[in-house]
Amino acid sequence: MSGYRITSTWHIHLGEQINRGGETRINGIEQRNPTNNNRVMAGITLFLPEQQIALRTARDTRIDNGFRTNHEIALRYQHSF
């Protein structure tokens, strides 16, 4: 993931997530279904005193096995005390 600080309180980030995994086995039978998934994402974060607000958008670009997310928007709020 790559990030850039616009100001001391605003940050933007871009990234890619690669998920690789082994195949599953049911009752000892290999399913020949290894995970091979890619995802790209972009977001912006606002840092306030004792608080953080992040907005991220993402989409799956390659799904060889499993569920596909066409578009995702995530909003996160964090408060430190």
PDB file of N, CA and C in Angstrom:
ATOM      1  N   MET A   1       0.844  -1.164   0.000  1.00  0.00           N
ATOM      2  CA  MET A   1       0.000   0.000   0.000  1.00  0.00           C
ATOM      3  C   MET A   1       0.894   1.233   0.000  1.00  0.00           C
ATOM      4  N   SER A   2       0.473   2.233  -0.702  1.00  0.00           N
ATOM      5  CA  SER A   2       1.225   3.460  -0.807  1.00  0.00           C
ATOM      6  C   SER A   2       0.368   4.613  -0.302  1.00  0.00           C
ATOM      7  N   GLY A   3       0.969   5.498   0.471  1.00  0.00           N
ATOM      8  CA  GLY A   3       0.221   6.613   1.018  1.00  0.00           C
ATOM      9  C   GLY A   3       0.933   7.937   0.766  1.00  0.00           C
ATOM     10  N   TYR A   4       0.167   9.024   0.872  1.00  0.00           N
ATOM     11  CA  TYR A   4       0.702  10.361   0.676  1.00  0.00           C
ATOM     12  C   TYR A   4       0.027  11.293   1.661  1.00  0.00           C
ATOM     13  N   ARG A   5       0.832  12.062   2.383  1.00  0.00           N
ATOM     14  CA  ARG A   5       0.299  13.024   3.347  1.00  0.00           C
ATOM     15  C   ARG A   5       0.063  14.342   2.625  1.00  0.00           C
ATOM     16  N   ILE A   6      -1.207  14.710   2.480  1.00  0.00           N
ATOM     17  CA  ILE A   6      -1.560  15.975   1.834  1.00  0.00           C
ATOM     18  C   ILE A   6      -1.246  17.126   2.780  1.00  0.00           C
ATOM     19  N   THR A   7      -1.768  17.032   3.996  1.00  0.00           N
ATOM     20  CA  THR A   7      -1.472  17.967   5.085  1.00  0.00           C
ATOM     21  C   THR A   7      -1.210  17.126   6.323  1.00  0.00           C
ATOM     22  N   SER A   8      -1.034  17.769   7.452  1.00  0.00           N
ATOM     23  CA  SER A   8      -0.794  17.006   8.682  1.00  0.00           C
ATOM     24  C   SER A   8      -2.028  16.233   9.126  1.00  0.00           C
ATOM     25  N   THR A   9      -3.199  16.595   8.642  1.00  0.00           N
ATOM     26  CA  THR A   9      -4.423  15.897   9.054  1.00  0.00           C
ATOM     27  C   THR A   9      -5.056  15.055   7.950  1.00  0.00           C
ATOM     28  N   TRP A  10      -4.737  15.298   6.686  1.00  0.00           N
ATOM     29  CA  TRP A  10      -5.327  14.562   5.570  1.00  0.00           C
ATOM     30  C   TRP A  10      -4.285  13.671   4.904  1.00  0.00           C
ATOM     31  N   HIS A  11      -4.610  12.391   4.754  1.00  0.00           N
ATOM     32  CA  HIS A  11      -3.750  11.431   4.073  1.00  0.00           C
ATOM     33  C   HIS A  11      -4.572  10.692   3.014  1.00  0.00           C
ATOM     34  N   ILE A  12      -3.951  10.349   1.884  1.00  0.00           N
ATOM     35  CA  ILE A  12      -4.605   9.507   0.887  1.00  0.00           C
ATOM     36  C   ILE A  12      -3.761   8.241   0.713  1.00  0.00           C
ATOM     37  N   HIS A  13      -4.397   7.181   0.296  1.00  0.00           N
ATOM     38  CA  HIS A  13      -3.658   5.938   0.085  1.00  0.00           C
ATOM     39  C   HIS A  13      -4.241   5.149  -1.086  1.00  0.00           C
ATOM     40  N   LEU A  14      -3.363   4.401  -1.740  1.00  0.00           N
ATOM     41  CA  LEU A  14      -3.706   3.494  -2.834  1.00  0.00           C
ATOM     42  C   LEU A  14      -3.071   2.153  -2.515  1.00  0.00           C
ATOM     43  N   GLY A  15      -3.727   1.072  -2.897  1.00  0.00           N
ATOM     44  CA  GLY A  15      -3.125  -0.219  -2.612  1.00  0.00           C
ATOM     45  C   GLY A  15      -3.727  -1.349  -3.422  1.00  0.00           C
ATOM     46  N   GLU A  16      -3.051  -2.474  -3.339  1.00  0.00           N
ATOM     47  CA  GLU A  16      -3.509  -3.706  -3.961  1.00  0.00           C
ATOM     48  C   GLU A  16      -3.356  -4.822  -2.944  1.00  0.00           C
ATOM     49  N   GLN A  17      -4.317  -5.702  -2.915  1.00  0.00           N
ATOM     50  CA  GLN A  17      -4.298  -6.847  -2.009  1.00  0.00           C
ATOM     51  C   GLN A  17      -4.294  -8.113  -2.855  1.00  0.00           C
ATOM     52  N   ILE A  18      -3.369  -9.015  -2.555  1.00  0.00           N
ATOM     53  CA  ILE A  18      -3.269 -10.282  -3.278  1.00  0.00           C
ATOM     54  C   ILE A  18      -3.487 -11.404  -2.275  1.00  0.00           C
ATOM     55  N   ASN A  19      -4.476 -12.227  -2.516  1.00  0.00           N
ATOM     56  CA  ASN A  19      -4.784 -13.362  -1.640  1.00  0.00           C
ATOM     57  C   ASN A  19      -4.502 -14.661  -2.387  1.00  0.00           C
ATOM     58  N   ARG A  20      -3.589 -15.432  -1.842  1.00  0.00           N
ATOM     59  CA  ARG A  20      -3.271 -16.748  -2.393  1.00  0.00           C
ATOM     60  C   ARG A  20      -3.426 -17.752  -1.263  1.00  0.00           C
ATOM     61  N   GLY A  21      -3.947 -18.894  -1.555  1.00  0.00           N
ATOM     62  CA  GLY A  21      -4.135 -19.880  -0.502  1.00  0.00           C
ATOM     63  C   GLY A  21      -4.193 -21.286  -1.044  1.00  0.00           C
ATOM     64  N   GLY A  22      -4.286 -22.212  -0.124  1.00  0.00           N
ATOM     65  CA  GLY A  22      -4.350 -23.621  -0.488  1.00  0.00           C
ATOM     66  C   GLY A  22      -5.776 -24.051  -0.789  1.00  0.00           C
ATOM     67  N   GLU A  23      -5.893 -25.207  -1.366  1.00  0.00           N
ATOM     68  CA  GLU A  23      -7.207 -25.732  -1.703  1.00  0.00           C
ATOM     69  C   GLU A  23      -7.842 -26.355  -0.471  1.00  0.00           C
ATOM     70  N   THR A  24      -9.141 -26.473  -0.511  1.00  0.00           N
ATOM     71  CA  THR A  24      -9.868 -27.088   0.604  1.00  0.00           C
ATOM     72  C   THR A  24      -9.969 -28.593   0.395  1.00  0.00           C
ATOM     73  N   ARG A  25     -10.291 -29.260   1.477  1.00  0.00           N
ATOM     74  CA  ARG A  25     -10.439 -30.706   1.456  1.00  0.00           C
ATOM     75  C   ARG A  25     -11.722 -31.040   2.224  1.00  0.00           C
ATOM     76  N   ILE A  26     -12.598 -31.816   1.618  1.00  0.00           N
ATOM     77  CA  ILE A  26     -13.854 -32.230   2.251  1.00  0.00           C
ATOM     78  C   ILE A  26     -13.857 -33.746   2.326  1.00  0.00           C
ATOM     79  N   ASN A  27     -13.983 -34.273   3.543  1.00  0.00           N
ATOM     80  CA  ASN A  27     -13.951 -35.718   3.778  1.00  0.00           C
ATOM     81  C   ASN A  27     -12.736 -36.380   3.131  1.00  0.00           C
ATOM     82  N   GLY A  28     -11.590 -35.671   3.198  1.00  0.00           N
ATOM     83  CA  GLY A  28     -10.353 -36.214   2.660  1.00  0.00           C
ATOM     84  C   GLY A  28     -10.193 -36.082   1.155  1.00  0.00           C
ATOM     85  N   ILE A  29     -11.168 -35.491   0.481  1.00  0.00           N
ATOM     86  CA  ILE A  29     -11.100 -35.336  -0.975  1.00  0.00           C
ATOM     87  C   ILE A  29     -10.683 -33.905  -1.306  1.00  0.00           C
ATOM     88  N   GLU A  30      -9.554 -33.765  -2.013  1.00  0.00           N
ATOM     89  CA  GLU A  30      -9.091 -32.443  -2.415  1.00  0.00           C
ATOM     90  C   GLU A  30     -10.052 -31.841  -3.431  1.00  0.00           C
ATOM     91  N   GLN A  31     -10.400 -30.562  -3.239  1.00  0.00           N
ATOM     92  CA  GLN A  31     -11.382 -29.899  -4.097  1.00  0.00           C
ATOM     93  C   GLN A  31     -10.756 -29.170  -5.293  1.00  0.00           C
ATOM     94  N   ARG A  32      -9.438 -29.094  -5.333  1.00  0.00           N
ATOM     95  CA  ARG A  32      -8.724 -28.400  -6.419  1.00  0.00           C
ATOM     96  C   ARG A  32      -9.258 -26.991  -6.627  1.00  0.00           C
ATOM     97  N   ASN A  33      -9.330 -26.223  -5.541  1.00  0.00           N
ATOM     98  CA  ASN A  33      -9.883 -24.873  -5.596  1.00  0.00           C
ATOM     99  C   ASN A  33      -9.023 -23.867  -4.826  1.00  0.00           C
ATOM    100  N   PRO A  34      -7.741 -23.721  -5.177  1.00  0.00           N
ATOM    101  CA  PRO A  34      -6.919 -22.765  -4.442  1.00  0.00           C
ATOM    102  C   PRO A  34      -7.391 -21.327  -4.662  1.00  0.00           C
ATOM    103  N   THR A  35      -7.219 -20.499  -3.639  1.00  0.00           N
ATOM    104  CA  THR A  35      -7.585 -19.091  -3.717  1.00  0.00           C
ATOM    105  C   THR A  35      -6.560 -18.339  -4.552  1.00  0.00           C
ATOM    106  N   ASN A  36      -7.037 -17.495  -5.463  1.00  0.00           N
ATOM    107  CA  ASN A  36      -6.177 -16.675  -6.305  1.00  0.00           C
ATOM    108  C   ASN A  36      -6.955 -15.402  -6.621  1.00  0.00           C
ATOM    109  N   ASN A  37      -6.940 -14.451  -5.681  1.00  0.00           N
ATOM    110  CA  ASN A  37      -7.785 -13.267  -5.775  1.00  0.00           C
ATOM    111  C   ASN A  37      -6.952 -11.992  -5.671  1.00  0.00           C
ATOM    112  N   ASN A  38      -7.339 -10.954  -6.426  1.00  0.00           N
ATOM    113  CA  ASN A  38      -6.692  -9.641  -6.373  1.00  0.00           C
ATOM    114  C   ASN A  38      -7.746  -8.579  -6.111  1.00  0.00           C
ATOM    115  N   ARG A  39      -7.334  -7.504  -5.426  1.00  0.00           N
ATOM    116  CA  ARG A  39      -8.227  -6.393  -5.102  1.00  0.00           C
ATOM    117  C   ARG A  39      -7.430  -5.097  -5.144  1.00  0.00           C
ATOM    118  N   VAL A  40      -8.031  -4.025  -5.645  1.00  0.00           N
ATOM    119  CA  VAL A  40      -7.420  -2.697  -5.616  1.00  0.00           C
ATOM    120  C   VAL A  40      -8.274  -1.796  -4.741  1.00  0.00           C
ATOM    121  N   MET A  41      -7.609  -0.812  -4.102  1.00  0.00           N
ATOM    122  CA  MET A  41      -8.326   0.067  -3.186  1.00  0.00           C
ATOM    123  C   MET A  41      -7.715   1.464  -3.187  1.00  0.00           C
ATOM    124  N   ALA A  42      -8.526   2.443  -2.801  1.00  0.00           N
ATOM    125  CA  ALA A  42      -8.093   3.826  -2.653  1.00  0.00           C
ATOM    126  C   ALA A  42      -8.882   4.428  -1.504  1.00  0.00           C
ATOM    127  N   GLY A  43      -8.249   5.348  -0.785  1.00  0.00           N
ATOM    128  CA  GLY A  43      -8.959   5.936   0.341  1.00  0.00           C
ATOM    129  C   GLY A  43      -8.343   7.231   0.800  1.00  0.00           C
ATOM    130  N   ILE A  44      -9.042   7.849   1.744  1.00  0.00           N
ATOM    131  CA  ILE A  44      -8.600   9.095   2.350  1.00  0.00           C
ATOM    132  C   ILE A  44      -8.864   9.003   3.849  1.00  0.00           C
ATOM    133  N   THR A  45      -7.948   9.560   4.640  1.00  0.00           N
ATOM    134  CA  THR A  45      -8.066   9.508   6.093  1.00  0.00           C
ATOM    135  C   THR A  45      -7.904  10.909   6.660  1.00  0.00           C
ATOM    136  N   LEU A  46      -8.754  11.242   7.631  1.00  0.00           N
ATOM    137  CA  LEU A  46      -8.693  12.506   8.350  1.00  0.00           C
ATOM    138  C   LEU A  46      -8.246  12.214   9.780  1.00  0.00           C
ATOM    139  N   PHE A  47      -7.123  12.786  10.194  1.00  0.00           N
ATOM    140  CA  PHE A  47      -6.609  12.614  11.546  1.00  0.00           C
ATOM    141  C   PHE A  47      -6.956  13.848  12.368  1.00  0.00           C
ATOM    142  N   LEU A  48      -7.699  13.657  13.444  1.00  0.00           N
ATOM    143  CA  LEU A  48      -8.062  14.706  14.387  1.00  0.00           C
ATOM    144  C   LEU A  48      -7.477  14.343  15.745  1.00  0.00           C
ATOM    145  N   PRO A  49      -7.419  15.262  16.685  1.00  0.00           N
ATOM    146  CA  PRO A  49      -6.938  14.902  18.023  1.00  0.00           C
ATOM    147  C   PRO A  49      -7.781  13.765  18.614  1.00  0.00           C
ATOM    148  N   GLU A  50      -7.143  12.652  18.900  1.00  0.00           N
ATOM    149  CA  GLU A  50      -7.756  11.464  19.500  1.00  0.00           C
ATOM    150  C   GLU A  50      -8.824  10.804  18.627  1.00  0.00           C
ATOM    151  N   GLN A  51      -8.918  11.182  17.353  1.00  0.00           N
ATOM    152  CA  GLN A  51      -9.924  10.609  16.461  1.00  0.00           C
ATOM    153  C   GLN A  51      -9.331  10.391  15.069  1.00  0.00           C
ATOM    154  N   GLN A  52      -9.951   9.476  14.337  1.00  0.00           N
ATOM    155  CA  GLN A  52      -9.534   9.181  12.969  1.00  0.00           C
ATOM    156  C   GLN A  52     -10.780   8.781  12.185  1.00  0.00           C
ATOM    157  N   ILE A  53     -10.933   9.340  11.012  1.00  0.00           N
ATOM    158  CA  ILE A  53     -12.042   8.997  10.125  1.00  0.00           C
ATOM    159  C   ILE A  53     -11.442   8.587   8.779  1.00  0.00           C
ATOM    160  N   ALA A  54     -11.763   7.389   8.332  1.00  0.00           N
ATOM    161  CA  ALA A  54     -11.209   6.883   7.082  1.00  0.00           C
ATOM    162  C   ALA A  54     -12.333   6.448   6.150  1.00  0.00           C
ATOM    163  N   LEU A  55     -12.192   6.789   4.890  1.00  0.00           N
ATOM    164  CA  LEU A  55     -13.134   6.378   3.846  1.00  0.00           C
ATOM    165  C   LEU A  55     -12.332   5.644   2.784  1.00  0.00           C
ATOM    166  N   ARG A  56     -12.785   4.436   2.436  1.00  0.00           N
ATOM    167  CA  ARG A  56     -12.062   3.614   1.463  1.00  0.00           C
ATOM    168  C   ARG A  56     -13.036   3.025   0.457  1.00  0.00           C
ATOM    169  N   THR A  57     -12.601   2.953  -0.784  1.00  0.00           N
ATOM    170  CA  THR A  57     -13.359   2.258  -1.813  1.00  0.00           C
ATOM    171  C   THR A  57     -12.461   1.168  -2.394  1.00  0.00           C
ATOM    172  N   ALA A  58     -13.063   0.040  -2.751  1.00  0.00           N
ATOM    173  CA  ALA A  58     -12.287  -1.093  -3.257  1.00  0.00           C
ATOM    174  C   ALA A  58     -13.129  -1.899  -4.236  1.00  0.00           C
ATOM    175  N   ARG A  59     -12.430  -2.664  -5.062  1.00  0.00           N
ATOM    176  CA  ARG A  59     -13.113  -3.597  -5.956  1.00  0.00           C
ATOM    177  C   ARG A  59     -12.187  -4.760  -6.257  1.00  0.00           C
ATOM    178  N   ASP A  60     -12.776  -5.912  -6.472  1.00  0.00           N
ATOM    179  CA  ASP A  60     -12.016  -7.099  -6.835  1.00  0.00           C
ATOM    180  C   ASP A  60     -11.723  -7.052  -8.328  1.00  0.00           C
ATOM    181  N   THR A  61     -10.472  -7.326  -8.684  1.00  0.00           N
ATOM    182  CA  THR A  61     -10.086  -7.313 -10.094  1.00  0.00           C
ATOM    183  C   THR A  61      -9.918  -8.714 -10.650  1.00  0.00           C
ATOM    184  N   ARG A  62      -9.693  -9.680  -9.762  1.00  0.00           N
ATOM    185  CA  ARG A  62      -9.553 -11.070 -10.211  1.00  0.00           C
ATOM    186  C   ARG A  62     -10.027 -11.987  -9.094  1.00  0.00           C
ATOM    187  N   ILE A  63     -10.963 -12.872  -9.411  1.00  0.00           N
ATOM    188  CA  ILE A  63     -11.450 -13.868  -8.473  1.00  0.00           C
ATOM    189  C   ILE A  63     -11.450 -15.204  -9.193  1.00  0.00           C
ATOM    190  N   ASP A  64     -10.545 -16.090  -8.808  1.00  0.00           N
ATOM    191  CA  ASP A  64     -10.522 -17.427  -9.397  1.00  0.00           C
ATOM    192  C   ASP A  64     -11.376 -18.397  -8.597  1.00  0.00           C
ATOM    193  N   ASN A  65     -11.633 -18.058  -7.336  1.00  0.00           N
ATOM    194  CA  ASN A  65     -12.407 -18.951  -6.494  1.00  0.00           C
ATOM    195  C   ASN A  65     -13.014 -18.149  -5.354  1.00  0.00           C
ATOM    196  N   GLY A  66     -14.306 -18.169  -5.215  1.00  0.00           N
ATOM    197  CA  GLY A  66     -14.958 -17.456  -4.119  1.00  0.00           C
ATOM    198  C   GLY A  66     -15.882 -16.365  -4.619  1.00  0.00           C
ATOM    199  N   PHE A  67     -16.279 -15.508  -3.690  1.00  0.00           N
ATOM    200  CA  PHE A  67     -17.232 -14.442  -3.982  1.00  0.00           C
ATOM    201  C   PHE A  67     -16.513 -13.222  -4.541  1.00  0.00           C
ATOM    202  N   ARG A  68     -17.159 -12.499  -5.447  1.00  0.00           N
ATOM    203  CA  ARG A  68     -16.622 -11.272  -6.040  1.00  0.00           C
ATOM    204  C   ARG A  68     -17.362 -10.070  -5.467  1.00  0.00           C
ATOM    205  N   THR A  69     -16.584  -9.032  -5.132  1.00  0.00           N
ATOM    206  CA  THR A  69     -17.146  -7.758  -4.710  1.00  0.00           C
ATOM    207  C   THR A  69     -16.931  -6.769  -5.849  1.00  0.00           C
ATOM    208  N   ASN A  70     -18.025  -6.357  -6.502  1.00  0.00           N
ATOM    209  CA  ASN A  70     -17.895  -5.430  -7.616  1.00  0.00           C
ATOM    210  C   ASN A  70     -17.468  -4.045  -7.158  1.00  0.00           C
ATOM    211  N   HIS A  71     -18.007  -3.578  -6.028  1.00  0.00           N
ATOM    212  CA  HIS A  71     -17.663  -2.267  -5.506  1.00  0.00           C
ATOM    213  C   HIS A  71     -17.948  -2.257  -4.012  1.00  0.00           C
ATOM    214  N   GLU A  72     -17.004  -1.737  -3.251  1.00  0.00           N
ATOM    215  CA  GLU A  72     -17.149  -1.681  -1.793  1.00  0.00           C
ATOM    216  C   GLU A  72     -16.782  -0.286  -1.317  1.00  0.00           C
ATOM    217  N   ILE A  73     -17.567   0.244  -0.399  1.00  0.00           N
ATOM    218  CA  ILE A  73     -17.258   1.510   0.251  1.00  0.00           C
ATOM    219  C   ILE A  73     -17.273   1.250   1.752  1.00  0.00           C
ATOM    220  N   ALA A  74     -16.182   1.630   2.413  1.00  0.00           N
ATOM    221  CA  ALA A  74     -16.074   1.400   3.858  1.00  0.00           C
ATOM    222  C   ALA A  74     -15.762   2.726   4.549  1.00  0.00           C
ATOM    223  N   LEU A  75     -16.472   2.995   5.633  1.00  0.00           N
ATOM    224  CA  LEU A  75     -16.252   4.175   6.461  1.00  0.00           C
ATOM    225  C   LEU A  75     -15.873   3.687   7.851  1.00  0.00           C
ATOM    226  N   ARG A  76     -14.751   4.185   8.374  1.00  0.00           N
ATOM    227  CA  ARG A  76     -14.287   3.759   9.693  1.00  0.00           C
ATOM    228  C   ARG A  76     -14.067   4.978  10.576  1.00  0.00           C
ATOM    229  N   TYR A  77     -14.530   4.881  11.810  1.00  0.00           N
ATOM    230  CA  TYR A  77     -14.309   5.933  12.828  1.00  0.00           C
ATOM    231  C   TYR A  77     -13.565   5.300  13.990  1.00  0.00           C
ATOM    232  N   GLN A  78     -12.524   5.962  14.427  1.00  0.00           N
ATOM    233  CA  GLN A  78     -11.739   5.463  15.560  1.00  0.00           C
ATOM    234  C   GLN A  78     -11.563   6.587  16.570  1.00  0.00           C
ATOM    235  N   HIS A  79     -11.787   6.275  17.837  1.00  0.00           N
ATOM    236  CA  HIS A  79     -11.602   7.238  18.918  1.00  0.00           C
ATOM    237  C   HIS A  79     -10.626   6.644  19.921  1.00  0.00           C
ATOM    238  N   SER A  80      -9.560   7.363  20.208  1.00  0.00           N
ATOM    239  CA  SER A  80      -8.569   6.912  21.188  1.00  0.00           C
ATOM    240  C   SER A  80      -8.829   7.604  22.518  1.00  0.00           C
ATOM    241  N   PHE A  81      -8.717   6.835  23.559  1.00  0.00           N
ATOM    242  CA  PHE A  81      -8.901   7.414  24.895  1.00  0.00           C
ATOM    243  C   PHE A  81      -7.907   6.835  25.852  1.00  0.00           C
TER     244      PHE A  81
END
